[in-house]
Amino acid sequence: QAVNVFYKLVHALIALIALVGCRRERR
């Protein structure tokens, strides 16, 4: 269960990076 929660944490961080770095990734 702890590993599964860590997956959710990593997923949230990736989504946050995608949201913050949207313009940079688009360029």
PDB file of all heavy atoms in Angstrom:
ATOM      1  N   GLN A   1       0.824  -1.206   0.000  1.00  0.00           N
ATOM      2  CA  GLN A   1       0.000   0.000   0.000  1.00  0.00           C
ATOM      3  C   GLN A   1       0.859   1.258   0.000  1.00  0.00           C
ATOM      4  O   GLN A   1       0.526   2.251  -0.645  1.00  0.00           O
ATOM      5  CB  GLN A   1      -0.923  -0.008   1.215  1.00  0.00           C
ATOM      6  CG  GLN A   1      -1.957  -1.118   1.201  1.00  0.00           C
ATOM      7  CD  GLN A   1      -2.812  -1.138   2.449  1.00  0.00           C
ATOM      8  OE1 GLN A   1      -2.704  -0.246   3.281  1.00  0.00           O
ATOM      9  NE2 GLN A   1      -3.643  -2.158   2.587  1.00  0.00           N
ATOM     10  N   ALA A   2       1.984   1.214   0.711  1.00  0.00           N
ATOM     11  CA  ALA A   2       2.876   2.376   0.732  1.00  0.00           C
ATOM     12  C   ALA A   2       3.463   2.643  -0.643  1.00  0.00           C
ATOM     13  O   ALA A   2       3.584   3.801  -1.067  1.00  0.00           O
ATOM     14  CB  ALA A   2       3.999   2.144   1.744  1.00  0.00           C
ATOM     15  N   VAL A   3       3.822   1.583  -1.372  1.00  0.00           N
ATOM     16  CA  VAL A   3       4.334   1.754  -2.736  1.00  0.00           C
ATOM     17  C   VAL A   3       3.253   2.351  -3.632  1.00  0.00           C
ATOM     18  O   VAL A   3       3.513   3.234  -4.457  1.00  0.00           O
ATOM     19  CB  VAL A   3       4.837   0.406  -3.295  1.00  0.00           C
ATOM     20  CG1 VAL A   3       5.182   0.534  -4.774  1.00  0.00           C
ATOM     21  CG2 VAL A   3       6.059  -0.066  -2.522  1.00  0.00           C
ATOM     22  N   ASN A   4       2.010   1.902  -3.471  1.00  0.00           N
ATOM     23  CA  ASN A   4       0.917   2.445  -4.273  1.00  0.00           C
ATOM     24  C   ASN A   4       0.699   3.934  -3.990  1.00  0.00           C
ATOM     25  O   ASN A   4       0.430   4.722  -4.900  1.00  0.00           O
ATOM     26  CB  ASN A   4      -0.375   1.675  -3.989  1.00  0.00           C
ATOM     27  CG  ASN A   4      -0.295   0.235  -4.462  1.00  0.00           C
ATOM     28  OD1 ASN A   4       0.568  -0.119  -5.258  1.00  0.00           O
ATOM     29  ND2 ASN A   4      -1.182  -0.606  -3.955  1.00  0.00           N
ATOM     30  N   VAL A   5       0.810   4.319  -2.719  1.00  0.00           N
ATOM     31  CA  VAL A   5       0.678   5.738  -2.369  1.00  0.00           C
ATOM     32  C   VAL A   5       1.824   6.544  -2.965  1.00  0.00           C
ATOM     33  O   VAL A   5       1.632   7.687  -3.413  1.00  0.00           O
ATOM     34  CB  VAL A   5       0.630   5.899  -0.833  1.00  0.00           C
ATOM     35  CG1 VAL A   5       0.705   7.372  -0.442  1.00  0.00           C
ATOM     36  CG2 VAL A   5      -0.649   5.296  -0.285  1.00  0.00           C
ATOM     37  N   PHE A   6       3.017   5.956  -2.990  1.00  0.00           N
ATOM     38  CA  PHE A   6       4.156   6.650  -3.590  1.00  0.00           C
ATOM     39  C   PHE A   6       3.930   6.864  -5.081  1.00  0.00           C
ATOM     40  O   PHE A   6       4.323   7.888  -5.645  1.00  0.00           O
ATOM     41  CB  PHE A   6       5.429   5.844  -3.348  1.00  0.00           C
ATOM     42  CG  PHE A   6       6.693   6.619  -3.637  1.00  0.00           C
ATOM     43  CD1 PHE A   6       6.765   7.984  -3.399  1.00  0.00           C
ATOM     44  CD2 PHE A   6       7.817   5.989  -4.143  1.00  0.00           C
ATOM     45  CE1 PHE A   6       7.917   8.699  -3.658  1.00  0.00           C
ATOM     46  CE2 PHE A   6       8.974   6.688  -4.418  1.00  0.00           C
ATOM     47  CZ  PHE A   6       9.026   8.045  -4.169  1.00  0.00           C
ATOM     48  N   TYR A   7       3.286   5.912  -5.743  1.00  0.00           N
ATOM     49  CA  TYR A   7       2.927   6.106  -7.154  1.00  0.00           C
ATOM     50  C   TYR A   7       1.995   7.298  -7.316  1.00  0.00           C
ATOM     51  O   TYR A   7       2.142   8.095  -8.252  1.00  0.00           O
ATOM     52  CB  TYR A   7       2.263   4.845  -7.707  1.00  0.00           C
ATOM     53  CG  TYR A   7       3.225   3.884  -8.347  1.00  0.00           C
ATOM     54  CD1 TYR A   7       3.681   2.776  -7.665  1.00  0.00           C
ATOM     55  CD2 TYR A   7       3.693   4.088  -9.640  1.00  0.00           C
ATOM     56  CE1 TYR A   7       4.570   1.893  -8.240  1.00  0.00           C
ATOM     57  CE2 TYR A   7       4.577   3.216 -10.228  1.00  0.00           C
ATOM     58  CZ  TYR A   7       5.014   2.117  -9.515  1.00  0.00           C
ATOM     59  OH  TYR A   7       5.904   1.255 -10.092  1.00  0.00           O
ATOM     60  N   LYS A   8       1.038   7.430  -6.427  1.00  0.00           N
ATOM     61  CA  LYS A   8       0.118   8.567  -6.516  1.00  0.00           C
ATOM     62  C   LYS A   8       0.858   9.879  -6.276  1.00  0.00           C
ATOM     63  O   LYS A   8       0.563  10.899  -6.910  1.00  0.00           O
ATOM     64  CB  LYS A   8      -1.018   8.389  -5.504  1.00  0.00           C
ATOM     65  CG  LYS A   8      -1.872   7.153  -5.756  1.00  0.00           C
ATOM     66  CD  LYS A   8      -2.999   7.044  -4.738  1.00  0.00           C
ATOM     67  CE  LYS A   8      -3.739   5.724  -4.895  1.00  0.00           C
ATOM     68  NZ  LYS A   8      -4.369   5.595  -6.223  1.00  0.00           N
ATOM     69  N   LEU A   9       1.830   9.853  -5.353  1.00  0.00           N
ATOM     70  CA  LEU A   9       2.621  11.048  -5.085  1.00  0.00           C
ATOM     71  C   LEU A   9       3.436  11.443  -6.308  1.00  0.00           C
ATOM     72  O   LEU A   9       3.477  12.625  -6.692  1.00  0.00           O
ATOM     73  CB  LEU A   9       3.537  10.808  -3.889  1.00  0.00           C
ATOM     74  CG  LEU A   9       4.531  11.924  -3.555  1.00  0.00           C
ATOM     75  CD1 LEU A   9       3.793  13.212  -3.197  1.00  0.00           C
ATOM     76  CD2 LEU A   9       5.453  11.497  -2.424  1.00  0.00           C
ATOM     77  N   VAL A  10       4.077  10.473  -6.946  1.00  0.00           N
ATOM     78  CA  VAL A  10       4.859  10.760  -8.150  1.00  0.00           C
ATOM     79  C   VAL A  10       3.956  11.263  -9.273  1.00  0.00           C
ATOM     80  O   VAL A  10       4.303  12.198 -10.000  1.00  0.00           O
ATOM     81  CB  VAL A  10       5.642   9.509  -8.586  1.00  0.00           C
ATOM     82  CG1 VAL A  10       6.352   9.753  -9.911  1.00  0.00           C
ATOM     83  CG2 VAL A  10       6.658   9.119  -7.523  1.00  0.00           C
ATOM     84  N   HIS A  11       2.782  10.663  -9.400  1.00  0.00           N
ATOM     85  CA  HIS A  11       1.831  11.113 -10.423  1.00  0.00           C
ATOM     86  C   HIS A  11       1.421  12.564 -10.188  1.00  0.00           C
ATOM     87  O   HIS A  11       1.341  13.369 -11.130  1.00  0.00           O
ATOM     88  CB  HIS A  11       0.601  10.199 -10.413  1.00  0.00           C
ATOM     89  CG  HIS A  11      -0.344  10.459 -11.534  1.00  0.00           C
ATOM     90  ND1 HIS A  11      -1.610   9.923 -11.590  1.00  0.00           N
ATOM     91  CD2 HIS A  11      -0.215  11.210 -12.662  1.00  0.00           C
ATOM     92  CE1 HIS A  11      -2.211  10.326 -12.681  1.00  0.00           C
ATOM     93  NE2 HIS A  11      -1.396  11.116 -13.351  1.00  0.00           N
ATOM     94  N   ALA A  12       1.175  12.914  -8.935  1.00  0.00           N
ATOM     95  CA  ALA A  12       0.807  14.295  -8.616  1.00  0.00           C
ATOM     96  C   ALA A  12       1.949  15.253  -8.929  1.00  0.00           C
ATOM     97  O   ALA A  12       1.718  16.364  -9.453  1.00  0.00           O
ATOM     98  CB  ALA A  12       0.412  14.399  -7.140  1.00  0.00           C
ATOM     99  N   LEU A  13       3.181  14.857  -8.639  1.00  0.00           N
ATOM    100  CA  LEU A  13       4.330  15.715  -8.943  1.00  0.00           C
ATOM    101  C   LEU A  13       4.509  15.886 -10.446  1.00  0.00           C
ATOM    102  O   LEU A  13       4.828  16.986 -10.921  1.00  0.00           O
ATOM    103  CB  LEU A  13       5.595  15.113  -8.314  1.00  0.00           C
ATOM    104  CG  LEU A  13       5.672  15.164  -6.785  1.00  0.00           C
ATOM    105  CD1 LEU A  13       6.919  14.452  -6.293  1.00  0.00           C
ATOM    106  CD2 LEU A  13       5.654  16.603  -6.281  1.00  0.00           C
ATOM    107  N   ILE A  14       4.317  14.818 -11.222  1.00  0.00           N
ATOM    108  CA  ILE A  14       4.436  14.926 -12.674  1.00  0.00           C
ATOM    109  C   ILE A  14       3.365  15.855 -13.226  1.00  0.00           C
ATOM    110  O   ILE A  14       3.631  16.691 -14.106  1.00  0.00           O
ATOM    111  CB  ILE A  14       4.335  13.531 -13.319  1.00  0.00           C
ATOM    112  CG1 ILE A  14       5.554  12.689 -12.947  1.00  0.00           C
ATOM    113  CG2 ILE A  14       4.242  13.645 -14.834  1.00  0.00           C
ATOM    114  CD1 ILE A  14       5.489  11.267 -13.457  1.00  0.00           C
ATOM    115  N   ALA A  15       2.139  15.727 -12.725  1.00  0.00           N
ATOM    116  CA  ALA A  15       1.064  16.616 -13.171  1.00  0.00           C
ATOM    117  C   ALA A  15       1.356  18.068 -12.796  1.00  0.00           C
ATOM    118  O   ALA A  15       1.073  18.994 -13.569  1.00  0.00           O
ATOM    119  CB  ALA A  15      -0.265  16.163 -12.568  1.00  0.00           C
ATOM    120  N   LEU A  16       1.937  18.273 -11.621  1.00  0.00           N
ATOM    121  CA  LEU A  16       2.294  19.628 -11.207  1.00  0.00           C
ATOM    122  C   LEU A  16       3.398  20.203 -12.092  1.00  0.00           C
ATOM    123  O   LEU A  16       3.352  21.384 -12.480  1.00  0.00           O
ATOM    124  CB  LEU A  16       2.740  19.617  -9.739  1.00  0.00           C
ATOM    125  CG  LEU A  16       3.133  20.968  -9.139  1.00  0.00           C
ATOM    126  CD1 LEU A  16       1.944  21.930  -9.160  1.00  0.00           C
ATOM    127  CD2 LEU A  16       3.653  20.796  -7.713  1.00  0.00           C
ATOM    128  N   ILE A  17       4.392  19.370 -12.436  1.00  0.00           N
ATOM    129  CA  ILE A  17       5.460  19.822 -13.344  1.00  0.00           C
ATOM    130  C   ILE A  17       4.890  20.174 -14.706  1.00  0.00           C
ATOM    131  O   ILE A  17       5.280  21.169 -15.331  1.00  0.00           O
ATOM    132  CB  ILE A  17       6.539  18.732 -13.458  1.00  0.00           C
ATOM    133  CG1 ILE A  17       7.285  18.572 -12.130  1.00  0.00           C
ATOM    134  CG2 ILE A  17       7.532  19.058 -14.571  1.00  0.00           C
ATOM    135  CD1 ILE A  17       8.252  17.409 -12.110  1.00  0.00           C
ATOM    136  N   ALA A  18       3.948  19.349 -15.186  1.00  0.00           N
ATOM    137  CA  ALA A  18       3.312  19.630 -16.477  1.00  0.00           C
ATOM    138  C   ALA A  18       2.521  20.931 -16.439  1.00  0.00           C
ATOM    139  O   ALA A  18       2.479  21.686 -17.412  1.00  0.00           O
ATOM    140  CB  ALA A  18       2.406  18.471 -16.873  1.00  0.00           C
ATOM    141  N   LEU A  19       1.898  21.216 -15.303  1.00  0.00           N
ATOM    142  CA  LEU A  19       1.105  22.433 -15.182  1.00  0.00           C
ATOM    143  C   LEU A  19       1.987  23.672 -15.089  1.00  0.00           C
ATOM    144  O   LEU A  19       1.727  24.686 -15.747  1.00  0.00           O
ATOM    145  CB  LEU A  19       0.211  22.330 -13.937  1.00  0.00           C
ATOM    146  CG  LEU A  19      -0.736  23.491 -13.672  1.00  0.00           C
ATOM    147  CD1 LEU A  19      -1.757  23.625 -14.795  1.00  0.00           C
ATOM    148  CD2 LEU A  19      -1.452  23.299 -12.332  1.00  0.00           C
ATOM    149  N   VAL A  20       3.049  23.604 -14.275  1.00  0.00           N
ATOM    150  CA  VAL A  20       3.925  24.756 -14.092  1.00  0.00           C
ATOM    151  C   VAL A  20       4.795  24.997 -15.321  1.00  0.00           C
ATOM    152  O   VAL A  20       5.006  26.141 -15.739  1.00  0.00           O
ATOM    153  CB  VAL A  20       4.792  24.552 -12.828  1.00  0.00           C
ATOM    154  CG1 VAL A  20       5.806  25.674 -12.686  1.00  0.00           C
ATOM    155  CG2 VAL A  20       3.918  24.467 -11.588  1.00  0.00           C
ATOM    156  N   GLY A  21       5.313  23.906 -15.901  1.00  0.00           N
ATOM    157  CA  GLY A  21       6.217  24.040 -17.052  1.00  0.00           C
ATOM    158  C   GLY A  21       5.543  23.886 -18.390  1.00  0.00           C
ATOM    159  O   GLY A  21       6.179  23.428 -19.346  1.00  0.00           O
ATOM    160  N   CYS A  22       4.270  24.263 -18.469  1.00  0.00           N
ATOM    161  CA  CYS A  22       3.512  24.077 -19.718  1.00  0.00           C
ATOM    162  C   CYS A  22       4.120  24.883 -20.865  1.00  0.00           C
ATOM    163  O   CYS A  22       4.335  24.364 -21.964  1.00  0.00           O
ATOM    164  CB  CYS A  22       2.056  24.455 -19.486  1.00  0.00           C
ATOM    165  SG  CYS A  22       0.995  24.209 -20.920  1.00  0.00           S
ATOM    166  N   ARG A  23       4.402  26.148 -20.632  1.00  0.00           N
ATOM    167  CA  ARG A  23       4.955  26.992 -21.703  1.00  0.00           C
ATOM    168  C   ARG A  23       6.343  26.531 -22.115  1.00  0.00           C
ATOM    169  O   ARG A  23       6.682  26.524 -23.304  1.00  0.00           O
ATOM    170  CB  ARG A  23       5.004  28.438 -21.236  1.00  0.00           C
ATOM    171  CG  ARG A  23       3.634  29.077 -21.032  1.00  0.00           C
ATOM    172  CD  ARG A  23       3.774  30.540 -20.642  1.00  0.00           C
ATOM    173  NE  ARG A  23       2.467  31.174 -20.470  1.00  0.00           N
ATOM    174  CZ  ARG A  23       2.305  32.450 -20.121  1.00  0.00           C
ATOM    175  NH1 ARG A  23       3.378  33.218 -19.906  1.00  0.00           N
ATOM    176  NH2 ARG A  23       1.092  32.948 -19.996  1.00  0.00           N
ATOM    177  N   ARG A  24       7.132  26.134 -21.138  1.00  0.00           N
ATOM    178  CA  ARG A  24       8.493  25.683 -21.447  1.00  0.00           C
ATOM    179  C   ARG A  24       8.479  24.407 -22.277  1.00  0.00           C
ATOM    180  O   ARG A  24       9.241  24.269 -23.235  1.00  0.00           O
ATOM    181  CB  ARG A  24       9.244  25.445 -20.140  1.00  0.00           C
ATOM    182  CG  ARG A  24      10.713  25.120 -20.330  1.00  0.00           C
ATOM    183  CD  ARG A  24      11.394  25.017 -18.989  1.00  0.00           C
ATOM    184  NE  ARG A  24      12.805  24.714 -19.124  1.00  0.00           N
ATOM    185  CZ  ARG A  24      13.634  24.530 -18.114  1.00  0.00           C
ATOM    186  NH1 ARG A  24      13.166  24.623 -16.876  1.00  0.00           N
ATOM    187  NH2 ARG A  24      14.891  24.249 -18.323  1.00  0.00           N
ATOM    188  N   GLU A  25       7.603  23.488 -21.937  1.00  0.00           N
ATOM    189  CA  GLU A  25       7.511  22.254 -22.712  1.00  0.00           C
ATOM    190  C   GLU A  25       6.941  22.515 -24.094  1.00  0.00           C
ATOM    191  O   GLU A  25       7.328  21.874 -25.068  1.00  0.00           O
ATOM    192  CB  GLU A  25       6.648  21.235 -21.966  1.00  0.00           C
ATOM    193  CG  GLU A  25       6.653  19.858 -22.605  1.00  0.00           C
ATOM    194  CD  GLU A  25       5.939  18.831 -21.756  1.00  0.00           C
ATOM    195  OE1 GLU A  25       5.406  19.207 -20.686  1.00  0.00           O
ATOM    196  OE2 GLU A  25       5.910  17.655 -22.166  1.00  0.00           O
ATOM    197  N   ARG A  26       6.025  23.480 -24.203  1.00  0.00           N
ATOM    198  CA  ARG A  26       5.481  23.820 -25.511  1.00  0.00           C
ATOM    199  C   ARG A  26       6.566  24.379 -26.424  1.00  0.00           C
ATOM    200  O   ARG A  26       6.651  24.020 -27.600  1.00  0.00           O
ATOM    201  CB  ARG A  26       4.338  24.832 -25.360  1.00  0.00           C
ATOM    202  CG  ARG A  26       3.610  25.113 -26.675  1.00  0.00           C
ATOM    203  CD  ARG A  26       2.585  26.214 -26.533  1.00  0.00           C
ATOM    204  NE  ARG A  26       1.595  25.876 -25.523  1.00  0.00           N
ATOM    205  CZ  ARG A  26       1.399  26.562 -24.404  1.00  0.00           C
ATOM    206  NH1 ARG A  26       2.146  27.634 -24.150  1.00  0.00           N
ATOM    207  NH2 ARG A  26       0.484  26.197 -23.530  1.00  0.00           N
ATOM    208  N   ARG A  27       7.434  25.249 -25.880  1.00  0.00           N
ATOM    209  CA  ARG A  27       8.546  25.779 -26.677  1.00  0.00           C
ATOM    210  C   ARG A  27       9.521  24.673 -27.074  1.00  0.00           C
ATOM    211  O   ARG A  27      10.062  24.673 -28.191  1.00  0.00           O
ATOM    212  CB  ARG A  27       9.265  26.869 -25.894  1.00  0.00           C
ATOM    213  CG  ARG A  27       8.479  28.148 -25.705  1.00  0.00           C
ATOM    214  CD  ARG A  27       9.374  29.281 -25.237  1.00  0.00           C
ATOM    215  NE  ARG A  27      10.010  28.969 -23.958  1.00  0.00           N
ATOM    216  CZ  ARG A  27       9.508  29.321 -22.775  1.00  0.00           C
ATOM    217  NH1 ARG A  27       8.356  29.984 -22.730  1.00  0.00           N
ATOM    218  NH2 ARG A  27      10.138  29.022 -21.666  1.00  0.00           N
TER     219      ARG A  27
END
